[in-house]
Amino acid sequence: MHTRRWLTALIILPILVLALLRGGHFFFVLFLLVVNGLAQWEFLGLFQPEGDRLRRVKAILLGTLLLLSFCTAQRAVGLCNPTGPLFVLVALVFALFLFYLVSYGHIPDLTQDLMINALGLLYLPLLLGHFIWLRYLPEGEWWVLWLLAVIMAGDTAAFYCGRTWGKTKLFPAVSPGKTWAGAWGGLAACLAVGLLLGKGLLGPVNLWGLALLSAALFLVGLLGDLFESMLKRQLQVKDASQLLPGHGGMLDRLDSLLFAAPVLVYARLFFFGG
């Protein structure tokens, strides 16, 4: 498992870094669209394993529209414009309501199906779109790179510290594998990488600011991890899929990042001169 885990990372990380630093905004957004499509397919498959594939494709198309709406940010001056995503989100919600109203009597468990699709929009493209905003802000590519490094370092340290020293469970009702030792190891790694890498990539931010941001990202990332674990626990599955050998599915890699990206965007906008 460990070999597959590291081999998968060595294949995917260079593609991600190239898309971020060399691909320009177009290829970065294209990369996110692919990630979002795979994650939405997994998400809907967890709740609707026997569901109509055409309905999954429709849901992914709606998610694609919501994700693209984040491109209405004003790139030239580095602004995040919430008007586009908010307008598209409301329009998509109305479209969903209309679709299920017309489909009444034809879809078993219609209310549950509607709630699953609505949650899919809020959980995936709405949160993932904040990566586009973060990339639009001044020096955005370095902030995205820093965020990825901090979260990945925390996840890796939590995994290995938990396996090595973990005895006391963190939240066994939701995630039996997570321990307090893993959490403390993840926090230490987030702080170490956040401070060391941040001084090189995010020059204007002082050490206290980097420490605060790193700790905050660890906490919200842990919350995102536990949230996805709660969904899988409810559905009695271990991984969202086997798409990424050694890691599970796309959702299993995104869980912490989905919660961390919005926090970093708003921290930049309100506290760090975004």
C-alpha atoms as a PDB file:
ATOM      1  CA  MET A   1       0.000   0.000   0.000  1.00  0.00           C
ATOM      2  CA  HIS A   2       2.798   2.410   0.886  1.00  0.00           C
ATOM      3  CA  THR A   3       4.573   1.792  -2.425  1.00  0.00           C
ATOM      4  CA  ARG A   4       1.387   2.399  -4.411  1.00  0.00           C
ATOM      5  CA  ARG A   5       0.678   5.497  -2.324  1.00  0.00           C
ATOM      6  CA  TRP A   6       4.032   7.106  -3.116  1.00  0.00           C
ATOM      7  CA  LEU A   7       4.075   6.037  -6.776  1.00  0.00           C
ATOM      8  CA  THR A   8       0.642   7.592  -7.325  1.00  0.00           C
ATOM      9  CA  ALA A   9       1.822  10.812  -5.695  1.00  0.00           C
ATOM     10  CA  LEU A  10       4.979  10.901  -7.833  1.00  0.00           C
ATOM     11  CA  ILE A  11       2.869  10.622 -10.991  1.00  0.00           C
ATOM     12  CA  ILE A  12       0.134  13.117 -10.110  1.00  0.00           C
ATOM     13  CA  LEU A  13       2.092  15.848  -8.318  1.00  0.00           C
ATOM     14  CA  PRO A  14       4.285  16.853 -11.309  1.00  0.00           C
ATOM     15  CA  ILE A  15       1.146  17.147 -13.482  1.00  0.00           C
ATOM     16  CA  LEU A  16      -0.498  19.329 -10.864  1.00  0.00           C
ATOM     17  CA  VAL A  17       2.554  21.562 -10.446  1.00  0.00           C
ATOM     18  CA  LEU A  18       2.955  21.944 -14.221  1.00  0.00           C
ATOM     19  CA  ALA A  19      -0.717  22.863 -14.612  1.00  0.00           C
ATOM     20  CA  LEU A  20      -0.358  25.401 -11.813  1.00  0.00           C
ATOM     21  CA  LEU A  21       2.956  27.052 -12.646  1.00  0.00           C
ATOM     22  CA  ARG A  22       3.370  26.515 -16.400  1.00  0.00           C
ATOM     23  CA  GLY A  23      -0.076  25.877 -17.779  1.00  0.00           C
ATOM     24  CA  GLY A  24      -1.531  29.325 -17.251  1.00  0.00           C
ATOM     25  CA  HIS A  25      -5.004  29.963 -15.999  1.00  0.00           C
ATOM     26  CA  PHE A  26      -6.696  27.988 -18.786  1.00  0.00           C
ATOM     27  CA  PHE A  27      -4.979  24.681 -18.053  1.00  0.00           C
ATOM     28  CA  PHE A  28      -5.360  25.147 -14.302  1.00  0.00           C
ATOM     29  CA  VAL A  29      -9.126  25.559 -14.706  1.00  0.00           C
ATOM     30  CA  LEU A  30      -9.207  22.608 -17.114  1.00  0.00           C
ATOM     31  CA  PHE A  31      -7.403  20.483 -14.523  1.00  0.00           C
ATOM     32  CA  LEU A  32      -9.969  21.502 -11.885  1.00  0.00           C
ATOM     33  CA  LEU A  33     -12.840  20.637 -14.230  1.00  0.00           C
ATOM     34  CA  VAL A  34     -11.469  17.112 -14.648  1.00  0.00           C
ATOM     35  CA  VAL A  35     -10.966  16.754 -10.896  1.00  0.00           C
ATOM     36  CA  ASN A  36     -14.469  18.033 -10.206  1.00  0.00           C
ATOM     37  CA  GLY A  37     -16.032  15.682 -12.754  1.00  0.00           C
ATOM     38  CA  LEU A  38     -14.305  12.647 -11.247  1.00  0.00           C
ATOM     39  CA  ALA A  39     -15.181  13.703  -7.703  1.00  0.00           C
ATOM     40  CA  GLN A  40     -18.845  14.320  -8.539  1.00  0.00           C
ATOM     41  CA  TRP A  41     -19.074  10.935 -10.280  1.00  0.00           C
ATOM     42  CA  GLU A  42     -17.683   9.262  -7.151  1.00  0.00           C
ATOM     43  CA  PHE A  43     -19.948  11.245  -4.845  1.00  0.00           C
ATOM     44  CA  LEU A  44     -23.119  10.379  -6.739  1.00  0.00           C
ATOM     45  CA  GLY A  45     -21.978   6.775  -7.077  1.00  0.00           C
ATOM     46  CA  LEU A  46     -21.645   6.466  -3.309  1.00  0.00           C
ATOM     47  CA  PHE A  47     -25.256   7.463  -2.760  1.00  0.00           C
ATOM     48  CA  GLN A  48     -26.724   6.043  -5.964  1.00  0.00           C
ATOM     49  CA  PRO A  49     -24.652   2.965  -6.878  1.00  0.00           C
ATOM     50  CA  GLU A  50     -27.407   1.707  -9.148  1.00  0.00           C
ATOM     51  CA  GLY A  51     -28.470   5.143 -10.338  1.00  0.00           C
ATOM     52  CA  ASP A  52     -29.039   6.284 -13.893  1.00  0.00           C
ATOM     53  CA  ARG A  53     -25.685   7.256 -15.406  1.00  0.00           C
ATOM     54  CA  LEU A  54     -27.336   9.895 -17.549  1.00  0.00           C
ATOM     55  CA  ARG A  55     -28.530  11.635 -14.376  1.00  0.00           C
ATOM     56  CA  ARG A  56     -24.956  11.602 -13.084  1.00  0.00           C
ATOM     57  CA  VAL A  57     -23.742  13.218 -16.307  1.00  0.00           C
ATOM     58  CA  LYS A  58     -26.422  15.909 -15.964  1.00  0.00           C
ATOM     59  CA  ALA A  59     -25.319  16.602 -12.390  1.00  0.00           C
ATOM     60  CA  ILE A  60     -21.686  16.889 -13.509  1.00  0.00           C
ATOM     61  CA  LEU A  61     -22.683  19.354 -16.236  1.00  0.00           C
ATOM     62  CA  LEU A  62     -24.411  21.508 -13.624  1.00  0.00           C
ATOM     63  CA  GLY A  63     -21.314  21.314 -11.437  1.00  0.00           C
ATOM     64  CA  THR A  64     -19.151  22.310 -14.395  1.00  0.00           C
ATOM     65  CA  LEU A  65     -21.246  25.434 -14.939  1.00  0.00           C
ATOM     66  CA  LEU A  66     -20.941  26.382 -11.272  1.00  0.00           C
ATOM     67  CA  LEU A  67     -17.188  25.839 -11.275  1.00  0.00           C
ATOM     68  CA  LEU A  68     -16.741  27.901 -14.449  1.00  0.00           C
ATOM     69  CA  SER A  69     -18.708  30.755 -12.895  1.00  0.00           C
ATOM     70  CA  PHE A  70     -15.734  31.398 -10.601  1.00  0.00           C
ATOM     71  CA  CYS A  71     -13.841  32.506 -13.703  1.00  0.00           C
ATOM     72  CA  THR A  72     -15.833  35.751 -13.581  1.00  0.00           C
ATOM     73  CA  ALA A  73     -13.174  36.999 -11.175  1.00  0.00           C
ATOM     74  CA  GLN A  74     -11.407  40.063 -12.527  1.00  0.00           C
ATOM     75  CA  ARG A  75      -8.013  38.593 -13.223  1.00  0.00           C
ATOM     76  CA  ALA A  76      -6.320  41.842 -14.246  1.00  0.00           C
ATOM     77  CA  VAL A  77      -6.769  43.451 -10.835  1.00  0.00           C
ATOM     78  CA  GLY A  78      -6.921  40.250  -8.805  1.00  0.00           C
ATOM     79  CA  LEU A  79     -10.473  40.495  -7.508  1.00  0.00           C
ATOM     80  CA  CYS A  80     -12.907  37.772  -6.462  1.00  0.00           C
ATOM     81  CA  ASN A  81     -16.342  38.577  -7.804  1.00  0.00           C
ATOM     82  CA  PRO A  82     -19.060  36.605  -5.946  1.00  0.00           C
ATOM     83  CA  THR A  83     -21.824  37.776  -8.287  1.00  0.00           C
ATOM     84  CA  GLY A  84     -21.170  35.130 -10.948  1.00  0.00           C
ATOM     85  CA  PRO A  85     -21.085  32.056  -8.696  1.00  0.00           C
ATOM     86  CA  LEU A  86     -24.046  33.273  -6.640  1.00  0.00           C
ATOM     87  CA  PHE A  87     -26.162  33.927  -9.728  1.00  0.00           C
ATOM     88  CA  VAL A  88     -25.263  30.555 -11.275  1.00  0.00           C
ATOM     89  CA  LEU A  89     -25.856  28.710  -7.985  1.00  0.00           C
ATOM     90  CA  VAL A  90     -29.353  30.175  -7.626  1.00  0.00           C
ATOM     91  CA  ALA A  91     -30.115  29.408 -11.284  1.00  0.00           C
ATOM     92  CA  LEU A  92     -28.931  25.809 -10.865  1.00  0.00           C
ATOM     93  CA  VAL A  93     -30.991  25.345  -7.711  1.00  0.00           C
ATOM     94  CA  PHE A  94     -34.074  26.557  -9.579  1.00  0.00           C
ATOM     95  CA  ALA A  95     -33.212  24.209 -12.453  1.00  0.00           C
ATOM     96  CA  LEU A  96     -32.917  21.291 -10.042  1.00  0.00           C
ATOM     97  CA  PHE A  97     -36.241  22.131  -8.423  1.00  0.00           C
ATOM     98  CA  LEU A  98     -37.926  22.381 -11.819  1.00  0.00           C
ATOM     99  CA  PHE A  99     -36.414  19.078 -12.990  1.00  0.00           C
ATOM    100  CA  TYR A 100     -37.643  17.188  -9.936  1.00  0.00           C
ATOM    101  CA  LEU A 101     -41.032  18.866 -10.086  1.00  0.00           C
ATOM    102  CA  VAL A 102     -41.477  17.689 -13.683  1.00  0.00           C
ATOM    103  CA  SER A 103     -40.100  14.254 -12.749  1.00  0.00           C
ATOM    104  CA  TYR A 104     -42.503  13.766  -9.850  1.00  0.00           C
ATOM    105  CA  GLY A 105     -43.881  10.237  -9.953  1.00  0.00           C
ATOM    106  CA  HIS A 106     -41.057   8.969 -12.177  1.00  0.00           C
ATOM    107  CA  ILE A 107     -38.095   8.945  -9.749  1.00  0.00           C
ATOM    108  CA  PRO A 108     -38.210   6.677  -6.687  1.00  0.00           C
ATOM    109  CA  ASP A 109     -37.201   8.478  -3.473  1.00  0.00           C
ATOM    110  CA  LEU A 110     -37.389  11.806  -5.285  1.00  0.00           C
ATOM    111  CA  THR A 111     -36.761  13.930  -2.183  1.00  0.00           C
ATOM    112  CA  GLN A 112     -33.630  11.991  -1.243  1.00  0.00           C
ATOM    113  CA  ASP A 113     -32.361  12.176  -4.813  1.00  0.00           C
ATOM    114  CA  LEU A 114     -32.883  15.952  -4.843  1.00  0.00           C
ATOM    115  CA  MET A 115     -31.034  16.447  -1.562  1.00  0.00           C
ATOM    116  CA  ILE A 116     -28.093  14.331  -2.760  1.00  0.00           C
ATOM    117  CA  ASN A 117     -27.722  16.382  -5.948  1.00  0.00           C
ATOM    118  CA  ALA A 118     -28.057  19.676  -4.078  1.00  0.00           C
ATOM    119  CA  LEU A 119     -25.410  18.589  -1.559  1.00  0.00           C
ATOM    120  CA  GLY A 120     -23.172  17.542  -4.438  1.00  0.00           C
ATOM    121  CA  LEU A 121     -23.265  21.076  -5.850  1.00  0.00           C
ATOM    122  CA  LEU A 122     -22.542  22.720  -2.493  1.00  0.00           C
ATOM    123  CA  TYR A 123     -19.872  20.273  -1.407  1.00  0.00           C
ATOM    124  CA  LEU A 124     -17.814  19.954  -4.582  1.00  0.00           C
ATOM    125  CA  PRO A 125     -17.896  22.663  -7.298  1.00  0.00           C
ATOM    126  CA  LEU A 126     -18.878  25.458  -4.908  1.00  0.00           C
ATOM    127  CA  LEU A 127     -15.950  24.785  -2.570  1.00  0.00           C
ATOM    128  CA  LEU A 128     -13.530  23.679  -5.293  1.00  0.00           C
ATOM    129  CA  GLY A 129     -14.166  26.904  -7.223  1.00  0.00           C
ATOM    130  CA  HIS A 130     -12.322  28.828  -4.519  1.00  0.00           C
ATOM    131  CA  PHE A 131      -9.092  27.452  -5.984  1.00  0.00           C
ATOM    132  CA  ILE A 132      -9.842  29.531  -9.089  1.00  0.00           C
ATOM    133  CA  TRP A 133     -10.324  32.632  -6.964  1.00  0.00           C
ATOM    134  CA  LEU A 134      -7.125  31.910  -5.056  1.00  0.00           C
ATOM    135  CA  ARG A 135      -5.256  31.521  -8.336  1.00  0.00           C
ATOM    136  CA  TYR A 136      -6.636  34.879  -9.569  1.00  0.00           C
ATOM    137  CA  LEU A 137      -5.382  36.836  -6.564  1.00  0.00           C
ATOM    138  CA  PRO A 138      -1.911  38.480  -6.754  1.00  0.00           C
ATOM    139  CA  GLU A 139       0.852  35.847  -6.696  1.00  0.00           C
ATOM    140  CA  GLY A 140      -1.987  33.339  -6.629  1.00  0.00           C
ATOM    141  CA  GLU A 141      -0.059  30.411  -8.071  1.00  0.00           C
ATOM    142  CA  TRP A 142       2.347  30.495  -5.124  1.00  0.00           C
ATOM    143  CA  TRP A 143      -0.493  30.643  -2.631  1.00  0.00           C
ATOM    144  CA  VAL A 144      -2.111  27.599  -4.257  1.00  0.00           C
ATOM    145  CA  LEU A 145       1.210  25.754  -4.195  1.00  0.00           C
ATOM    146  CA  TRP A 146       1.703  26.670  -0.538  1.00  0.00           C
ATOM    147  CA  LEU A 147      -1.814  25.488   0.357  1.00  0.00           C
ATOM    148  CA  LEU A 148      -1.281  22.140  -1.377  1.00  0.00           C
ATOM    149  CA  ALA A 149       2.073  21.636   0.351  1.00  0.00           C
ATOM    150  CA  VAL A 150       0.697  22.445   3.811  1.00  0.00           C
ATOM    151  CA  ILE A 151      -2.364  20.199   3.525  1.00  0.00           C
ATOM    152  CA  MET A 152      -0.467  17.307   1.931  1.00  0.00           C
ATOM    153  CA  ALA A 153       2.262  17.499   4.560  1.00  0.00           C
ATOM    154  CA  GLY A 154      -0.347  17.458   7.311  1.00  0.00           C
ATOM    155  CA  ASP A 155      -2.212  14.507   5.782  1.00  0.00           C
ATOM    156  CA  THR A 156       0.981  12.493   5.304  1.00  0.00           C
ATOM    157  CA  ALA A 157       2.303  13.178   8.797  1.00  0.00           C
ATOM    158  CA  ALA A 158      -1.072  12.394  10.363  1.00  0.00           C
ATOM    159  CA  PHE A 159      -1.210   9.090   8.497  1.00  0.00           C
ATOM    160  CA  TYR A 160       2.239   7.886   9.539  1.00  0.00           C
ATOM    161  CA  CYS A 161       2.217   9.308  13.078  1.00  0.00           C
ATOM    162  CA  GLY A 162      -1.158   7.736  13.672  1.00  0.00           C
ATOM    163  CA  ARG A 163       0.027   4.347  12.461  1.00  0.00           C
ATOM    164  CA  THR A 164       3.238   4.532  14.493  1.00  0.00           C
ATOM    165  CA  TRP A 165       2.173   6.064  17.812  1.00  0.00           C
ATOM    166  CA  GLY A 166      -1.589   6.326  17.653  1.00  0.00           C
ATOM    167  CA  LYS A 167      -3.481   4.704  20.514  1.00  0.00           C
ATOM    168  CA  THR A 168      -6.184   7.129  21.623  1.00  0.00           C
ATOM    169  CA  LYS A 169      -8.867   7.535  18.971  1.00  0.00           C
ATOM    170  CA  LEU A 170      -9.790  11.045  17.871  1.00  0.00           C
ATOM    171  CA  PHE A 171     -13.410  10.456  16.817  1.00  0.00           C
ATOM    172  CA  PRO A 172     -14.044   6.694  16.613  1.00  0.00           C
ATOM    173  CA  ALA A 173     -17.769   7.024  15.887  1.00  0.00           C
ATOM    174  CA  VAL A 174     -16.941   8.707  12.562  1.00  0.00           C
ATOM    175  CA  SER A 175     -13.363   7.695  11.729  1.00  0.00           C
ATOM    176  CA  PRO A 176     -11.934   4.730  13.688  1.00  0.00           C
ATOM    177  CA  GLY A 177      -8.511   5.141  12.090  1.00  0.00           C
ATOM    178  CA  LYS A 178      -7.803   8.706  13.211  1.00  0.00           C
ATOM    179  CA  THR A 179      -5.918   9.226  16.471  1.00  0.00           C
ATOM    180  CA  TRP A 180      -4.770  12.121  18.611  1.00  0.00           C
ATOM    181  CA  ALA A 181      -1.137  11.240  17.835  1.00  0.00           C
ATOM    182  CA  GLY A 182      -1.917  11.548  14.135  1.00  0.00           C
ATOM    183  CA  ALA A 183      -3.645  14.889  14.684  1.00  0.00           C
ATOM    184  CA  TRP A 184      -0.716  16.343  16.635  1.00  0.00           C
ATOM    185  CA  GLY A 185       1.740  15.016  14.044  1.00  0.00           C
ATOM    186  CA  GLY A 186      -0.323  16.547  11.241  1.00  0.00           C
ATOM    187  CA  LEU A 187      -0.453  19.911  13.022  1.00  0.00           C
ATOM    188  CA  ALA A 188       3.318  19.890  13.563  1.00  0.00           C
ATOM    189  CA  ALA A 189       3.932  19.106   9.884  1.00  0.00           C
ATOM    190  CA  CYS A 190       1.532  21.837   8.745  1.00  0.00           C
ATOM    191  CA  LEU A 191       3.306  24.395  10.924  1.00  0.00           C
ATOM    192  CA  ALA A 192       6.781  23.291   9.842  1.00  0.00           C
ATOM    193  CA  VAL A 193       6.022  23.279   6.111  1.00  0.00           C
ATOM    194  CA  GLY A 194       3.846  26.389   6.359  1.00  0.00           C
ATOM    195  CA  LEU A 195       6.597  28.393   8.036  1.00  0.00           C
ATOM    196  CA  LEU A 196       9.561  27.125   6.019  1.00  0.00           C
ATOM    197  CA  LEU A 197       7.910  27.209   2.612  1.00  0.00           C
ATOM    198  CA  GLY A 198       5.869  30.309   3.369  1.00  0.00           C
ATOM    199  CA  LYS A 199       8.930  32.485   3.949  1.00  0.00           C
ATOM    200  CA  GLY A 200      10.118  31.634   0.459  1.00  0.00           C
ATOM    201  CA  LEU A 201       6.794  31.802  -1.393  1.00  0.00           C
ATOM    202  CA  LEU A 202       4.719  34.291   0.618  1.00  0.00           C
ATOM    203  CA  GLY A 203       7.328  36.894   1.487  1.00  0.00           C
ATOM    204  CA  PRO A 204       5.058  39.706   2.784  1.00  0.00           C
ATOM    205  CA  VAL A 205       3.399  37.449   5.388  1.00  0.00           C
ATOM    206  CA  ASN A 206       5.278  37.402   8.712  1.00  0.00           C
ATOM    207  CA  LEU A 207       5.977  34.291  10.795  1.00  0.00           C
ATOM    208  CA  TRP A 208       3.007  34.833  13.101  1.00  0.00           C
ATOM    209  CA  GLY A 209       0.699  35.153  10.136  1.00  0.00           C
ATOM    210  CA  LEU A 210       2.103  32.001   8.540  1.00  0.00           C
ATOM    211  CA  ALA A 211       1.764  30.073  11.801  1.00  0.00           C
ATOM    212  CA  LEU A 212      -1.832  31.214  12.262  1.00  0.00           C
ATOM    213  CA  LEU A 213      -2.750  30.372   8.675  1.00  0.00           C
ATOM    214  CA  SER A 214      -1.063  26.962   8.844  1.00  0.00           C
ATOM    215  CA  ALA A 215      -2.836  26.029  12.079  1.00  0.00           C
ATOM    216  CA  ALA A 216      -6.190  27.246  10.743  1.00  0.00           C
ATOM    217  CA  LEU A 217      -5.762  25.252   7.538  1.00  0.00           C
ATOM    218  CA  PHE A 218      -4.923  22.139   9.536  1.00  0.00           C
ATOM    219  CA  LEU A 219      -8.062  22.498  11.653  1.00  0.00           C
ATOM    220  CA  VAL A 220     -10.457  23.098   8.761  1.00  0.00           C
ATOM    221  CA  GLY A 221      -8.700  20.400   6.751  1.00  0.00           C
ATOM    222  CA  LEU A 222      -9.267  17.968   9.616  1.00  0.00           C
ATOM    223  CA  LEU A 223     -12.918  19.014   9.676  1.00  0.00           C
ATOM    224  CA  GLY A 224     -13.171  18.307   5.934  1.00  0.00           C
ATOM    225  CA  ASP A 225     -11.527  14.912   6.420  1.00  0.00           C
ATOM    226  CA  LEU A 226     -13.956  14.009   9.209  1.00  0.00           C
ATOM    227  CA  PHE A 227     -16.930  15.212   7.170  1.00  0.00           C
ATOM    228  CA  GLU A 228     -16.068  12.893   4.293  1.00  0.00           C
ATOM    229  CA  SER A 229     -15.378  10.077   6.772  1.00  0.00           C
ATOM    230  CA  MET A 230     -18.849  10.645   8.214  1.00  0.00           C
ATOM    231  CA  LEU A 231     -20.409  10.225   4.766  1.00  0.00           C
ATOM    232  CA  LYS A 232     -18.458   7.033   4.097  1.00  0.00           C
ATOM    233  CA  ARG A 233     -19.231   5.703   7.568  1.00  0.00           C
ATOM    234  CA  GLN A 234     -22.936   6.275   6.993  1.00  0.00           C
ATOM    235  CA  LEU A 235     -22.706   4.435   3.669  1.00  0.00           C
ATOM    236  CA  GLN A 236     -20.400   1.738   5.111  1.00  0.00           C
ATOM    237  CA  VAL A 237     -17.622   2.132   2.554  1.00  0.00           C
ATOM    238  CA  LYS A 238     -13.887   2.520   3.167  1.00  0.00           C
ATOM    239  CA  ASP A 239     -12.924   4.606   0.117  1.00  0.00           C
ATOM    240  CA  ALA A 240     -14.859   6.698  -2.359  1.00  0.00           C
ATOM    241  CA  SER A 241     -13.345   4.575  -5.164  1.00  0.00           C
ATOM    242  CA  GLN A 242     -10.075   2.912  -6.170  1.00  0.00           C
ATOM    243  CA  LEU A 243      -9.168   5.567  -8.740  1.00  0.00           C
ATOM    244  CA  LEU A 244      -5.879   6.535  -7.035  1.00  0.00           C
ATOM    245  CA  PRO A 245      -3.987   3.422  -5.890  1.00  0.00           C
ATOM    246  CA  GLY A 246      -2.916   3.711  -2.260  1.00  0.00           C
ATOM    247  CA  HIS A 247      -5.061   6.809  -1.718  1.00  0.00           C
ATOM    248  CA  GLY A 248      -8.595   5.714  -2.549  1.00  0.00           C
ATOM    249  CA  GLY A 249     -10.714   7.976  -4.705  1.00  0.00           C
ATOM    250  CA  MET A 250     -10.591  11.585  -5.802  1.00  0.00           C
ATOM    251  CA  LEU A 251     -12.885  12.536  -2.911  1.00  0.00           C
ATOM    252  CA  ASP A 252     -10.443  10.970  -0.462  1.00  0.00           C
ATOM    253  CA  ARG A 253      -7.724  13.321  -1.722  1.00  0.00           C
ATOM    254  CA  LEU A 254      -9.929  16.405  -1.870  1.00  0.00           C
ATOM    255  CA  ASP A 255     -11.636  16.150   1.520  1.00  0.00           C
ATOM    256  CA  SER A 256      -9.240  18.442   3.417  1.00  0.00           C
ATOM    257  CA  LEU A 257      -8.567  20.765   0.475  1.00  0.00           C
ATOM    258  CA  LEU A 258     -12.264  21.462  -0.128  1.00  0.00           C
ATOM    259  CA  PHE A 259     -12.587  23.027   3.316  1.00  0.00           C
ATOM    260  CA  ALA A 260      -9.160  24.670   3.368  1.00  0.00           C
ATOM    261  CA  ALA A 261      -9.326  26.576   0.055  1.00  0.00           C
ATOM    262  CA  PRO A 262     -12.261  28.877   0.985  1.00  0.00           C
ATOM    263  CA  VAL A 263     -10.683  29.675   4.359  1.00  0.00           C
ATOM    264  CA  LEU A 264      -7.414  30.716   2.705  1.00  0.00           C
ATOM    265  CA  VAL A 265      -9.225  32.806   0.074  1.00  0.00           C
ATOM    266  CA  TYR A 266     -11.174  34.788   2.671  1.00  0.00           C
ATOM    267  CA  ALA A 267      -8.137  35.090   4.925  1.00  0.00           C
ATOM    268  CA  ARG A 268      -6.300  36.701   2.020  1.00  0.00           C
ATOM    269  CA  LEU A 269      -9.182  38.994   1.152  1.00  0.00           C
ATOM    270  CA  PHE A 270      -9.809  40.257   4.684  1.00  0.00           C
ATOM    271  CA  PHE A 271      -6.488  39.941   6.517  1.00  0.00           C
ATOM    272  CA  PHE A 272      -3.561  39.539   4.135  1.00  0.00           C
ATOM    273  CA  GLY A 273      -4.030  42.188   1.478  1.00  0.00           C
ATOM    274  CA  GLY A 274      -5.766  40.134  -1.225  1.00  0.00           C
END
